[in-house]
Amino acid sequence: MIGGIWRSRLINVLDLPGLRPTTDRVRETLFNWLGQDLVGLRCLDLFAGTGALGFEAASRHADKVVLLEKDKKAVANLSKNFALLQSSPAPGEVYITQADSLEFLKYQIDGSSNLIFIDPPFQEGALLDQALFEAARICDDTAGGGIYVEFPASRSREELEALVPEWHCKKYLEAGQVKACLFRSKAI
């Protein structure tokens, strides 16, 4: 972890197809954008994989973090990592759920989350598009947060912005083969 109560703690990363953990450098930039204290935020880590983004949010005092992962082995690893991190308990609620992120999103009410992390396997581009569209519906970023998206360098930021015209990419970075945007509502 980069900061918060779990600062300098390591998590185990499995070698699974499509699993690409967010690098420390990118995570540090993201949480500099978001701020060091996420008190009051309800977070979703879609396609959680290693859980690095969700665990980082929990470490920084988010009120609630839900990590969603479809792969059974990855979910077992998330649970093991969380158990180890809990030697210093996070103040908020953390839930690890084996589920299809897109199906989960369909049943969420509008405004039910404040911060949503979207980082699906890059080879499955349609997942990103659908998740971003649904996230724009359920995210209420008036108290902070937004929608964070990691995507392959082969895609343009403008292409993603066109999918959610009521949102704009407020912060943007490129790091090797990865691009990232923090989307904020245009209403704010």
N, C-alpha and C. Protein backbone atom coordinates (compact mmCIF):
# COMPACT_ATOMS: atom_id res chain seq x y z
N MET A 1 0.84 -1.17 0.00
CA MET A 1 0.00 0.00 0.00
C MET A 1 0.89 1.25 0.00
N ILE A 2 0.34 2.32 -0.52
CA ILE A 2 1.10 3.56 -0.63
C ILE A 2 0.92 4.43 0.61
N GLY A 3 -0.31 4.51 1.14
CA GLY A 3 -0.55 5.40 2.27
C GLY A 3 -1.63 4.87 3.19
N GLY A 4 -1.98 5.68 4.17
CA GLY A 4 -3.03 5.32 5.10
C GLY A 4 -2.54 4.36 6.17
N ILE A 5 -3.49 3.68 6.82
CA ILE A 5 -3.12 2.81 7.94
C ILE A 5 -2.34 1.58 7.49
N TRP A 6 -2.47 1.20 6.22
CA TRP A 6 -1.74 0.03 5.72
C TRP A 6 -0.51 0.43 4.90
N ARG A 7 -0.03 1.64 5.09
CA ARG A 7 1.15 2.14 4.38
C ARG A 7 2.29 1.13 4.47
N SER A 8 2.97 0.91 3.36
CA SER A 8 4.13 0.03 3.24
C SER A 8 3.81 -1.46 3.39
N ARG A 9 2.55 -1.83 3.48
CA ARG A 9 2.17 -3.24 3.55
C ARG A 9 2.11 -3.79 2.13
N LEU A 10 2.54 -5.01 1.95
CA LEU A 10 2.54 -5.67 0.65
C LEU A 10 1.37 -6.64 0.56
N ILE A 11 0.88 -6.80 -0.67
CA ILE A 11 -0.16 -7.79 -0.91
C ILE A 11 0.37 -8.82 -1.88
N ASN A 12 -0.10 -10.04 -1.75
CA ASN A 12 0.30 -11.12 -2.64
C ASN A 12 -0.43 -10.97 -3.97
N VAL A 13 0.30 -11.14 -5.08
CA VAL A 13 -0.27 -11.02 -6.41
C VAL A 13 -0.16 -12.37 -7.12
N LEU A 14 -1.31 -12.89 -7.55
CA LEU A 14 -1.33 -14.14 -8.29
C LEU A 14 -0.98 -13.91 -9.75
N ASP A 15 -0.45 -14.94 -10.40
CA ASP A 15 -0.17 -14.89 -11.82
C ASP A 15 -1.37 -15.49 -12.54
N LEU A 16 -2.32 -14.63 -12.91
CA LEU A 16 -3.53 -15.07 -13.60
C LEU A 16 -3.67 -14.33 -14.92
N PRO A 17 -4.26 -14.97 -15.93
CA PRO A 17 -4.45 -14.31 -17.23
C PRO A 17 -5.26 -13.02 -17.08
N GLY A 18 -4.79 -11.95 -17.68
CA GLY A 18 -5.49 -10.68 -17.67
C GLY A 18 -5.30 -9.85 -16.41
N LEU A 19 -4.64 -10.42 -15.40
CA LEU A 19 -4.43 -9.69 -14.14
C LEU A 19 -3.22 -8.77 -14.30
N ARG A 20 -3.47 -7.48 -14.14
CA ARG A 20 -2.44 -6.47 -14.32
C ARG A 20 -2.59 -5.46 -13.19
N PRO A 21 -1.85 -5.67 -12.09
CA PRO A 21 -2.00 -4.76 -10.95
C PRO A 21 -1.63 -3.33 -11.29
N THR A 22 -2.36 -2.39 -10.72
CA THR A 22 -2.04 -0.98 -10.87
C THR A 22 -0.70 -0.73 -10.20
N THR A 23 0.22 -0.11 -10.91
CA THR A 23 1.56 0.11 -10.37
C THR A 23 1.53 1.10 -9.21
N ASP A 24 2.56 1.03 -8.39
CA ASP A 24 2.67 1.95 -7.25
C ASP A 24 2.66 3.40 -7.72
N ARG A 25 3.37 3.68 -8.80
CA ARG A 25 3.46 5.05 -9.31
C ARG A 25 2.09 5.58 -9.72
N VAL A 26 1.33 4.77 -10.43
CA VAL A 26 -0.01 5.17 -10.87
C VAL A 26 -0.94 5.32 -9.66
N ARG A 27 -0.86 4.38 -8.73
CA ARG A 27 -1.69 4.45 -7.52
C ARG A 27 -1.38 5.71 -6.71
N GLU A 28 -0.10 6.02 -6.59
CA GLU A 28 0.29 7.22 -5.85
C GLU A 28 -0.29 8.47 -6.50
N THR A 29 -0.21 8.55 -7.82
CA THR A 29 -0.78 9.68 -8.55
C THR A 29 -2.28 9.77 -8.32
N LEU A 30 -2.97 8.64 -8.46
CA LEU A 30 -4.42 8.61 -8.27
C LEU A 30 -4.81 9.13 -6.89
N PHE A 31 -4.15 8.64 -5.86
CA PHE A 31 -4.54 9.03 -4.51
C PHE A 31 -4.05 10.44 -4.15
N ASN A 32 -3.11 10.97 -4.89
CA ASN A 32 -2.79 12.39 -4.76
C ASN A 32 -3.93 13.22 -5.35
N TRP A 33 -4.51 12.75 -6.46
CA TRP A 33 -5.66 13.43 -7.06
C TRP A 33 -6.85 13.41 -6.10
N LEU A 34 -7.09 12.25 -5.49
CA LEU A 34 -8.27 12.07 -4.64
C LEU A 34 -8.12 12.69 -3.26
N GLY A 35 -6.90 12.78 -2.79
CA GLY A 35 -6.65 13.26 -1.44
C GLY A 35 -6.29 12.10 -0.54
N GLN A 36 -5.70 12.39 0.56
CA GLN A 36 -5.20 11.34 1.44
C GLN A 36 -6.27 10.76 2.35
N ASP A 37 -7.37 11.48 2.53
CA ASP A 37 -8.42 11.05 3.45
C ASP A 37 -9.72 10.86 2.68
N LEU A 38 -10.23 9.64 2.67
CA LEU A 38 -11.45 9.34 1.92
C LEU A 38 -12.65 9.11 2.83
N VAL A 39 -12.61 9.68 4.03
CA VAL A 39 -13.71 9.54 4.99
C VAL A 39 -15.03 9.97 4.32
N GLY A 40 -16.05 9.16 4.52
CA GLY A 40 -17.37 9.47 3.99
C GLY A 40 -17.66 8.88 2.63
N LEU A 41 -16.65 8.35 1.94
CA LEU A 41 -16.87 7.83 0.59
C LEU A 41 -17.25 6.35 0.59
N ARG A 42 -18.18 6.03 -0.31
CA ARG A 42 -18.58 4.64 -0.57
C ARG A 42 -17.94 4.25 -1.91
N CYS A 43 -17.08 3.23 -1.88
CA CYS A 43 -16.25 2.89 -3.04
C CYS A 43 -16.58 1.51 -3.61
N LEU A 44 -16.46 1.40 -4.91
CA LEU A 44 -16.55 0.12 -5.61
C LEU A 44 -15.25 -0.11 -6.36
N ASP A 45 -14.66 -1.28 -6.19
CA ASP A 45 -13.48 -1.68 -6.96
C ASP A 45 -13.95 -2.79 -7.89
N LEU A 46 -14.31 -2.41 -9.12
CA LEU A 46 -14.78 -3.37 -10.11
C LEU A 46 -13.60 -4.12 -10.71
N PHE A 47 -13.80 -5.37 -11.04
CA PHE A 47 -12.71 -6.18 -11.62
C PHE A 47 -11.49 -6.09 -10.69
N ALA A 48 -11.69 -6.31 -9.41
CA ALA A 48 -10.72 -5.99 -8.36
C ALA A 48 -9.35 -6.63 -8.55
N GLY A 49 -9.29 -7.85 -9.08
CA GLY A 49 -7.98 -8.49 -9.30
C GLY A 49 -7.20 -8.65 -8.01
N THR A 50 -6.16 -7.83 -7.84
CA THR A 50 -5.34 -7.88 -6.63
C THR A 50 -5.97 -7.11 -5.47
N GLY A 51 -6.91 -6.22 -5.79
CA GLY A 51 -7.53 -5.40 -4.76
C GLY A 51 -6.73 -4.17 -4.38
N ALA A 52 -5.66 -3.89 -5.12
CA ALA A 52 -4.77 -2.78 -4.75
C ALA A 52 -5.51 -1.45 -4.62
N LEU A 53 -6.44 -1.16 -5.53
CA LEU A 53 -7.15 0.11 -5.47
C LEU A 53 -8.15 0.14 -4.32
N GLY A 54 -8.93 -0.92 -4.18
CA GLY A 54 -9.91 -0.98 -3.10
C GLY A 54 -9.26 -0.98 -1.73
N PHE A 55 -8.20 -1.78 -1.58
CA PHE A 55 -7.51 -1.82 -0.29
C PHE A 55 -6.87 -0.46 0.04
N GLU A 56 -6.36 0.21 -0.98
CA GLU A 56 -5.78 1.55 -0.77
C GLU A 56 -6.86 2.52 -0.28
N ALA A 57 -8.06 2.44 -0.87
CA ALA A 57 -9.16 3.31 -0.43
C ALA A 57 -9.54 2.99 1.02
N ALA A 58 -9.60 1.72 1.37
CA ALA A 58 -9.93 1.33 2.75
C ALA A 58 -8.85 1.82 3.71
N SER A 59 -7.60 1.73 3.28
CA SER A 59 -6.48 2.17 4.09
C SER A 59 -6.56 3.67 4.39
N ARG A 60 -7.22 4.40 3.49
CA ARG A 60 -7.34 5.85 3.64
C ARG A 60 -8.71 6.25 4.20
N HIS A 61 -9.32 5.35 4.94
CA HIS A 61 -10.52 5.61 5.74
C HIS A 61 -11.82 5.76 4.97
N ALA A 62 -11.93 5.18 3.78
CA ALA A 62 -13.24 5.17 3.09
C ALA A 62 -14.25 4.49 4.00
N ASP A 63 -15.49 4.99 4.01
CA ASP A 63 -16.52 4.41 4.87
C ASP A 63 -16.88 2.98 4.48
N LYS A 64 -16.94 2.75 3.17
CA LYS A 64 -17.32 1.41 2.68
C LYS A 64 -16.59 1.15 1.38
N VAL A 65 -16.01 -0.05 1.27
CA VAL A 65 -15.33 -0.48 0.03
C VAL A 65 -15.85 -1.86 -0.32
N VAL A 66 -16.33 -2.00 -1.54
CA VAL A 66 -16.77 -3.30 -2.06
C VAL A 66 -15.83 -3.67 -3.19
N LEU A 67 -15.14 -4.81 -3.03
CA LEU A 67 -14.24 -5.32 -4.07
C LEU A 67 -14.98 -6.44 -4.79
N LEU A 68 -15.15 -6.28 -6.09
CA LEU A 68 -15.86 -7.27 -6.91
C LEU A 68 -14.88 -7.97 -7.83
N GLU A 69 -14.91 -9.27 -7.81
CA GLU A 69 -14.02 -10.08 -8.66
C GLU A 69 -14.76 -11.35 -9.05
N LYS A 70 -14.64 -11.71 -10.30
CA LYS A 70 -15.34 -12.88 -10.84
C LYS A 70 -14.55 -14.18 -10.64
N ASP A 71 -13.22 -14.10 -10.74
CA ASP A 71 -12.36 -15.29 -10.68
C ASP A 71 -12.26 -15.82 -9.25
N LYS A 72 -12.57 -17.11 -9.08
CA LYS A 72 -12.59 -17.73 -7.76
C LYS A 72 -11.22 -17.69 -7.08
N LYS A 73 -10.15 -17.95 -7.83
CA LYS A 73 -8.80 -17.92 -7.24
C LYS A 73 -8.43 -16.51 -6.79
N ALA A 74 -8.79 -15.53 -7.60
CA ALA A 74 -8.49 -14.14 -7.25
C ALA A 74 -9.27 -13.72 -6.00
N VAL A 75 -10.52 -14.18 -5.88
CA VAL A 75 -11.32 -13.85 -4.69
C VAL A 75 -10.70 -14.47 -3.44
N ALA A 76 -10.24 -15.71 -3.55
CA ALA A 76 -9.57 -16.36 -2.41
C ALA A 76 -8.32 -15.58 -2.02
N ASN A 77 -7.57 -15.10 -3.01
CA ASN A 77 -6.36 -14.32 -2.73
C ASN A 77 -6.72 -12.97 -2.09
N LEU A 78 -7.79 -12.34 -2.56
CA LEU A 78 -8.23 -11.08 -1.96
C LEU A 78 -8.55 -11.29 -0.48
N SER A 79 -9.26 -12.37 -0.19
CA SER A 79 -9.63 -12.66 1.20
C SER A 79 -8.40 -12.90 2.07
N LYS A 80 -7.42 -13.63 1.54
CA LYS A 80 -6.18 -13.86 2.30
C LYS A 80 -5.44 -12.55 2.54
N ASN A 81 -5.32 -11.73 1.50
CA ASN A 81 -4.64 -10.44 1.66
C ASN A 81 -5.35 -9.56 2.68
N PHE A 82 -6.67 -9.53 2.62
CA PHE A 82 -7.44 -8.71 3.55
C PHE A 82 -7.24 -9.18 4.99
N ALA A 83 -7.23 -10.49 5.18
CA ALA A 83 -7.02 -11.04 6.53
C ALA A 83 -5.66 -10.59 7.08
N LEU A 84 -4.64 -10.59 6.24
CA LEU A 84 -3.32 -10.13 6.68
C LEU A 84 -3.30 -8.64 6.99
N LEU A 85 -3.97 -7.86 6.15
CA LEU A 85 -4.01 -6.41 6.37
C LEU A 85 -4.77 -6.06 7.65
N GLN A 86 -5.74 -6.88 8.01
CA GLN A 86 -6.58 -6.60 9.16
C GLN A 86 -5.85 -6.71 10.50
N SER A 87 -4.57 -7.05 10.49
CA SER A 87 -3.82 -7.00 11.75
C SER A 87 -3.82 -5.56 12.28
N SER A 88 -4.03 -4.60 11.37
CA SER A 88 -4.30 -3.19 11.72
C SER A 88 -5.63 -2.87 11.05
N PRO A 89 -6.75 -3.04 11.77
CA PRO A 89 -8.07 -2.94 11.14
C PRO A 89 -8.36 -1.58 10.49
N ALA A 90 -9.00 -1.65 9.34
CA ALA A 90 -9.47 -0.44 8.66
C ALA A 90 -10.72 0.05 9.39
N PRO A 91 -10.91 1.37 9.46
CA PRO A 91 -12.06 1.90 10.19
C PRO A 91 -13.40 1.68 9.48
N GLY A 92 -13.38 1.56 8.15
CA GLY A 92 -14.62 1.40 7.39
C GLY A 92 -14.95 -0.07 7.15
N GLU A 93 -16.03 -0.28 6.42
CA GLU A 93 -16.45 -1.63 6.06
C GLU A 93 -15.78 -2.04 4.75
N VAL A 94 -15.33 -3.29 4.68
CA VAL A 94 -14.73 -3.83 3.46
C VAL A 94 -15.43 -5.14 3.16
N TYR A 95 -15.93 -5.25 1.93
CA TYR A 95 -16.61 -6.47 1.48
C TYR A 95 -15.91 -6.99 0.23
N ILE A 96 -15.64 -8.28 0.22
CA ILE A 96 -15.06 -8.94 -0.96
C ILE A 96 -16.14 -9.85 -1.49
N THR A 97 -16.51 -9.65 -2.75
CA THR A 97 -17.64 -10.37 -3.34
C THR A 97 -17.23 -11.02 -4.65
N GLN A 98 -17.52 -12.32 -4.76
CA GLN A 98 -17.31 -12.99 -6.04
C GLN A 98 -18.55 -12.74 -6.88
N ALA A 99 -18.39 -11.91 -7.91
CA ALA A 99 -19.53 -11.54 -8.74
C ALA A 99 -19.03 -10.96 -10.06
N ASP A 100 -19.91 -10.98 -11.02
CA ASP A 100 -19.68 -10.32 -12.30
C ASP A 100 -19.95 -8.83 -12.08
N SER A 101 -18.96 -8.00 -12.31
CA SER A 101 -19.08 -6.56 -12.04
C SER A 101 -20.21 -5.91 -12.82
N LEU A 102 -20.38 -6.30 -14.08
CA LEU A 102 -21.44 -5.68 -14.88
C LEU A 102 -22.82 -6.05 -14.36
N GLU A 103 -23.01 -7.30 -13.97
CA GLU A 103 -24.29 -7.72 -13.40
C GLU A 103 -24.55 -6.98 -12.09
N PHE A 104 -23.54 -6.86 -11.27
CA PHE A 104 -23.65 -6.15 -10.00
C PHE A 104 -24.11 -4.71 -10.23
N LEU A 105 -23.48 -4.03 -11.19
CA LEU A 105 -23.80 -2.63 -11.46
C LEU A 105 -25.25 -2.43 -11.87
N LYS A 106 -25.79 -3.36 -12.62
CA LYS A 106 -27.18 -3.24 -13.10
C LYS A 106 -28.18 -3.11 -11.96
N TYR A 107 -27.86 -3.68 -10.81
CA TYR A 107 -28.80 -3.69 -9.68
C TYR A 107 -28.54 -2.61 -8.64
N GLN A 108 -27.59 -1.72 -8.92
CA GLN A 108 -27.28 -0.65 -7.99
C GLN A 108 -28.16 0.56 -8.28
N ILE A 109 -28.57 1.24 -7.21
CA ILE A 109 -29.42 2.42 -7.40
C ILE A 109 -28.56 3.63 -7.75
N ASP A 110 -29.18 4.59 -8.40
CA ASP A 110 -28.49 5.82 -8.78
C ASP A 110 -27.91 6.50 -7.54
N GLY A 111 -26.68 6.97 -7.65
CA GLY A 111 -26.05 7.70 -6.57
C GLY A 111 -25.60 6.85 -5.39
N SER A 112 -25.52 5.53 -5.57
CA SER A 112 -25.19 4.64 -4.44
C SER A 112 -23.70 4.56 -4.13
N SER A 113 -22.84 5.07 -4.99
CA SER A 113 -21.39 5.07 -4.76
C SER A 113 -20.82 6.45 -5.04
N ASN A 114 -19.68 6.74 -4.39
CA ASN A 114 -19.02 8.03 -4.61
C ASN A 114 -17.72 7.90 -5.40
N LEU A 115 -17.10 6.74 -5.31
CA LEU A 115 -15.81 6.51 -5.96
C LEU A 115 -15.82 5.11 -6.55
N ILE A 116 -15.61 5.03 -7.86
CA ILE A 116 -15.65 3.74 -8.54
C ILE A 116 -14.36 3.56 -9.32
N PHE A 117 -13.70 2.42 -9.08
CA PHE A 117 -12.47 2.07 -9.80
C PHE A 117 -12.83 1.07 -10.88
N ILE A 118 -12.44 1.37 -12.13
CA ILE A 118 -12.70 0.48 -13.26
C ILE A 118 -11.36 0.15 -13.92
N ASP A 119 -10.96 -1.10 -13.82
CA ASP A 119 -9.68 -1.54 -14.39
C ASP A 119 -9.83 -2.99 -14.85
N PRO A 120 -10.63 -3.21 -15.93
CA PRO A 120 -10.85 -4.57 -16.40
C PRO A 120 -9.66 -5.08 -17.21
N PRO A 121 -9.63 -6.37 -17.48
CA PRO A 121 -8.57 -6.89 -18.37
C PRO A 121 -8.58 -6.11 -19.69
N PHE A 122 -7.44 -5.65 -20.13
CA PHE A 122 -7.36 -4.82 -21.33
C PHE A 122 -7.85 -5.51 -22.59
N GLN A 123 -7.71 -6.84 -22.66
CA GLN A 123 -8.11 -7.56 -23.86
C GLN A 123 -9.63 -7.63 -24.01
N GLU A 124 -10.37 -7.18 -23.00
CA GLU A 124 -11.83 -7.21 -23.05
C GLU A 124 -12.38 -5.79 -23.01
N GLY A 125 -12.19 -5.06 -24.12
CA GLY A 125 -12.56 -3.64 -24.20
C GLY A 125 -14.03 -3.35 -23.95
N ALA A 126 -14.91 -4.26 -24.33
CA ALA A 126 -16.34 -4.03 -24.13
C ALA A 126 -16.69 -3.94 -22.65
N LEU A 127 -15.94 -4.65 -21.80
CA LEU A 127 -16.18 -4.57 -20.36
C LEU A 127 -16.00 -3.14 -19.85
N LEU A 128 -14.96 -2.50 -20.30
CA LEU A 128 -14.67 -1.13 -19.89
C LEU A 128 -15.82 -0.20 -20.29
N ASP A 129 -16.24 -0.29 -21.54
CA ASP A 129 -17.30 0.59 -22.04
C ASP A 129 -18.59 0.42 -21.24
N GLN A 130 -18.99 -0.82 -21.02
CA GLN A 130 -20.24 -1.08 -20.30
C GLN A 130 -20.12 -0.66 -18.83
N ALA A 131 -18.99 -0.96 -18.21
CA ALA A 131 -18.80 -0.59 -16.81
C ALA A 131 -18.80 0.93 -16.63
N LEU A 132 -18.15 1.65 -17.53
CA LEU A 132 -18.11 3.10 -17.45
C LEU A 132 -19.50 3.69 -17.59
N PHE A 133 -20.27 3.18 -18.53
CA PHE A 133 -21.64 3.66 -18.74
C PHE A 133 -22.48 3.46 -17.48
N GLU A 134 -22.43 2.27 -16.89
CA GLU A 134 -23.20 1.98 -15.67
C GLU A 134 -22.67 2.77 -14.47
N ALA A 135 -21.36 2.91 -14.37
CA ALA A 135 -20.77 3.66 -13.26
C ALA A 135 -21.23 5.11 -13.28
N ALA A 136 -21.35 5.68 -14.48
CA ALA A 136 -21.81 7.07 -14.61
C ALA A 136 -23.22 7.23 -14.05
N ARG A 137 -24.01 6.19 -14.13
CA ARG A 137 -25.37 6.22 -13.60
C ARG A 137 -25.39 6.17 -12.08
N ILE A 138 -24.56 5.34 -11.47
CA ILE A 138 -24.66 5.12 -10.02
C ILE A 138 -23.71 5.97 -9.19
N CYS A 139 -22.79 6.69 -9.82
CA CYS A 139 -21.80 7.46 -9.06
C CYS A 139 -22.32 8.86 -8.73
N ASP A 140 -22.24 9.21 -7.46
CA ASP A 140 -22.54 10.55 -6.97
C ASP A 140 -21.25 11.11 -6.39
N ASP A 141 -20.59 11.96 -7.13
CA ASP A 141 -19.28 12.46 -6.69
C ASP A 141 -19.34 13.85 -6.07
N THR A 142 -20.53 14.25 -5.60
CA THR A 142 -20.65 15.59 -5.00
C THR A 142 -19.84 15.73 -3.72
N ALA A 143 -19.59 14.62 -3.01
CA ALA A 143 -18.80 14.67 -1.77
C ALA A 143 -17.33 14.33 -2.03
N GLY A 144 -16.94 14.27 -3.28
CA GLY A 144 -15.59 13.87 -3.66
C GLY A 144 -15.65 12.54 -4.37
N GLY A 145 -14.51 12.06 -4.81
CA GLY A 145 -14.47 10.79 -5.52
C GLY A 145 -14.54 10.99 -7.01
N GLY A 146 -15.34 10.16 -7.68
CA GLY A 146 -15.46 10.18 -9.12
C GLY A 146 -15.36 8.77 -9.66
N ILE A 147 -15.06 8.68 -10.93
CA ILE A 147 -14.91 7.38 -11.60
C ILE A 147 -13.49 7.33 -12.15
N TYR A 148 -12.71 6.39 -11.63
CA TYR A 148 -11.33 6.22 -12.08
C TYR A 148 -11.30 5.05 -13.06
N VAL A 149 -10.68 5.29 -14.22
CA VAL A 149 -10.62 4.28 -15.27
C VAL A 149 -9.18 4.11 -15.74
N GLU A 150 -8.72 2.85 -15.78
CA GLU A 150 -7.45 2.52 -16.43
C GLU A 150 -7.78 1.85 -17.74
N PHE A 151 -7.04 2.23 -18.81
CA PHE A 151 -7.33 1.67 -20.12
C PHE A 151 -6.05 1.58 -20.95
N PRO A 152 -6.05 0.75 -21.99
CA PRO A 152 -4.83 0.57 -22.78
C PRO A 152 -4.46 1.82 -23.57
N ALA A 153 -3.18 2.00 -23.81
CA ALA A 153 -2.68 3.16 -24.54
C ALA A 153 -3.24 3.24 -25.96
N SER A 154 -3.75 2.14 -26.47
CA SER A 154 -4.31 2.12 -27.83
C SER A 154 -5.64 2.87 -27.92
N ARG A 155 -6.26 3.17 -26.79
CA ARG A 155 -7.54 3.90 -26.79
C ARG A 155 -7.31 5.36 -26.43
N SER A 156 -8.20 6.21 -26.91
CA SER A 156 -8.05 7.64 -26.61
C SER A 156 -8.97 8.06 -25.47
N ARG A 157 -8.52 9.06 -24.79
CA ARG A 157 -9.31 9.65 -23.70
C ARG A 157 -10.64 10.18 -24.24
N GLU A 158 -10.61 10.80 -25.41
CA GLU A 158 -11.81 11.37 -26.02
C GLU A 158 -12.86 10.29 -26.33
N GLU A 159 -12.38 9.11 -26.69
CA GLU A 159 -13.28 7.99 -26.96
C GLU A 159 -14.07 7.62 -25.70
N LEU A 160 -13.40 7.60 -24.57
CA LEU A 160 -14.09 7.28 -23.31
C LEU A 160 -15.00 8.42 -22.88
N GLU A 161 -14.56 9.66 -23.04
CA GLU A 161 -15.41 10.79 -22.68
C GLU A 161 -16.70 10.80 -23.49
N ALA A 162 -16.64 10.35 -24.73
CA ALA A 162 -17.84 10.31 -25.57
C ALA A 162 -18.87 9.30 -25.05
N LEU A 163 -18.42 8.29 -24.31
CA LEU A 163 -19.34 7.29 -23.75
C LEU A 163 -20.18 7.85 -22.61
N VAL A 164 -19.66 8.85 -21.92
CA VAL A 164 -20.35 9.43 -20.76
C VAL A 164 -20.31 10.95 -20.87
N PRO A 165 -21.13 11.53 -21.75
CA PRO A 165 -21.04 12.96 -22.03
C PRO A 165 -21.34 13.88 -20.83
N GLU A 166 -22.00 13.36 -19.80
CA GLU A 166 -22.29 14.19 -18.62
C GLU A 166 -21.12 14.20 -17.64
N TRP A 167 -20.02 13.55 -17.98
CA TRP A 167 -18.81 13.49 -17.17
C TRP A 167 -17.64 14.00 -18.00
N HIS A 168 -16.59 14.46 -17.34
CA HIS A 168 -15.38 14.86 -18.05
C HIS A 168 -14.15 14.29 -17.34
N CYS A 169 -13.12 14.08 -18.10
CA CYS A 169 -11.87 13.55 -17.55
C CYS A 169 -11.12 14.73 -16.94
N LYS A 170 -11.24 14.85 -15.61
CA LYS A 170 -10.64 15.98 -14.90
C LYS A 170 -9.13 15.81 -14.73
N LYS A 171 -8.70 14.58 -14.48
CA LYS A 171 -7.27 14.28 -14.32
C LYS A 171 -6.93 13.14 -15.27
N TYR A 172 -5.72 13.19 -15.84
CA TYR A 172 -5.32 12.23 -16.86
C TYR A 172 -3.84 11.93 -16.73
N LEU A 173 -3.48 10.66 -16.97
CA LEU A 173 -2.06 10.31 -17.00
C LEU A 173 -1.80 9.20 -18.00
N GLU A 174 -0.57 9.16 -18.45
CA GLU A 174 -0.09 8.07 -19.29
C GLU A 174 1.16 7.52 -18.63
N ALA A 175 1.22 6.20 -18.51
CA ALA A 175 2.38 5.53 -17.91
C ALA A 175 2.63 4.25 -18.70
N GLY A 176 3.55 4.31 -19.64
CA GLY A 176 3.85 3.14 -20.47
C GLY A 176 2.66 2.78 -21.34
N GLN A 177 2.19 1.56 -21.22
CA GLN A 177 1.07 1.07 -22.02
C GLN A 177 -0.29 1.32 -21.37
N VAL A 178 -0.29 2.10 -20.29
CA VAL A 178 -1.52 2.37 -19.54
C VAL A 178 -1.85 3.85 -19.57
N LYS A 179 -3.13 4.13 -19.76
CA LYS A 179 -3.66 5.48 -19.60
C LYS A 179 -4.67 5.43 -18.46
N ALA A 180 -4.89 6.57 -17.84
CA ALA A 180 -5.86 6.62 -16.75
C ALA A 180 -6.55 7.97 -16.72
N CYS A 181 -7.83 7.94 -16.39
CA CYS A 181 -8.63 9.16 -16.23
C CYS A 181 -9.38 9.11 -14.91
N LEU A 182 -9.49 10.25 -14.27
CA LEU A 182 -10.41 10.40 -13.16
C LEU A 182 -11.54 11.28 -13.67
N PHE A 183 -12.70 10.66 -13.85
CA PHE A 183 -13.86 11.36 -14.35
C PHE A 183 -14.60 12.03 -13.20
N ARG A 184 -15.04 13.25 -13.44
CA ARG A 184 -15.89 13.98 -12.49
C ARG A 184 -17.13 14.44 -13.22
N SER A 185 -18.21 14.54 -12.51
CA SER A 185 -19.47 14.97 -13.08
C SER A 185 -19.36 16.41 -13.56
N LYS A 186 -19.94 16.71 -14.71
CA LYS A 186 -19.94 18.07 -15.21
C LYS A 186 -20.86 18.95 -14.39
N ALA A 187 -21.75 18.33 -13.61
CA ALA A 187 -22.68 19.11 -12.78
C ALA A 187 -21.99 19.76 -11.59
N ILE A 188 -20.76 19.32 -11.29
CA ILE A 188 -20.04 19.85 -10.11
C ILE A 188 -19.18 21.02 -10.52
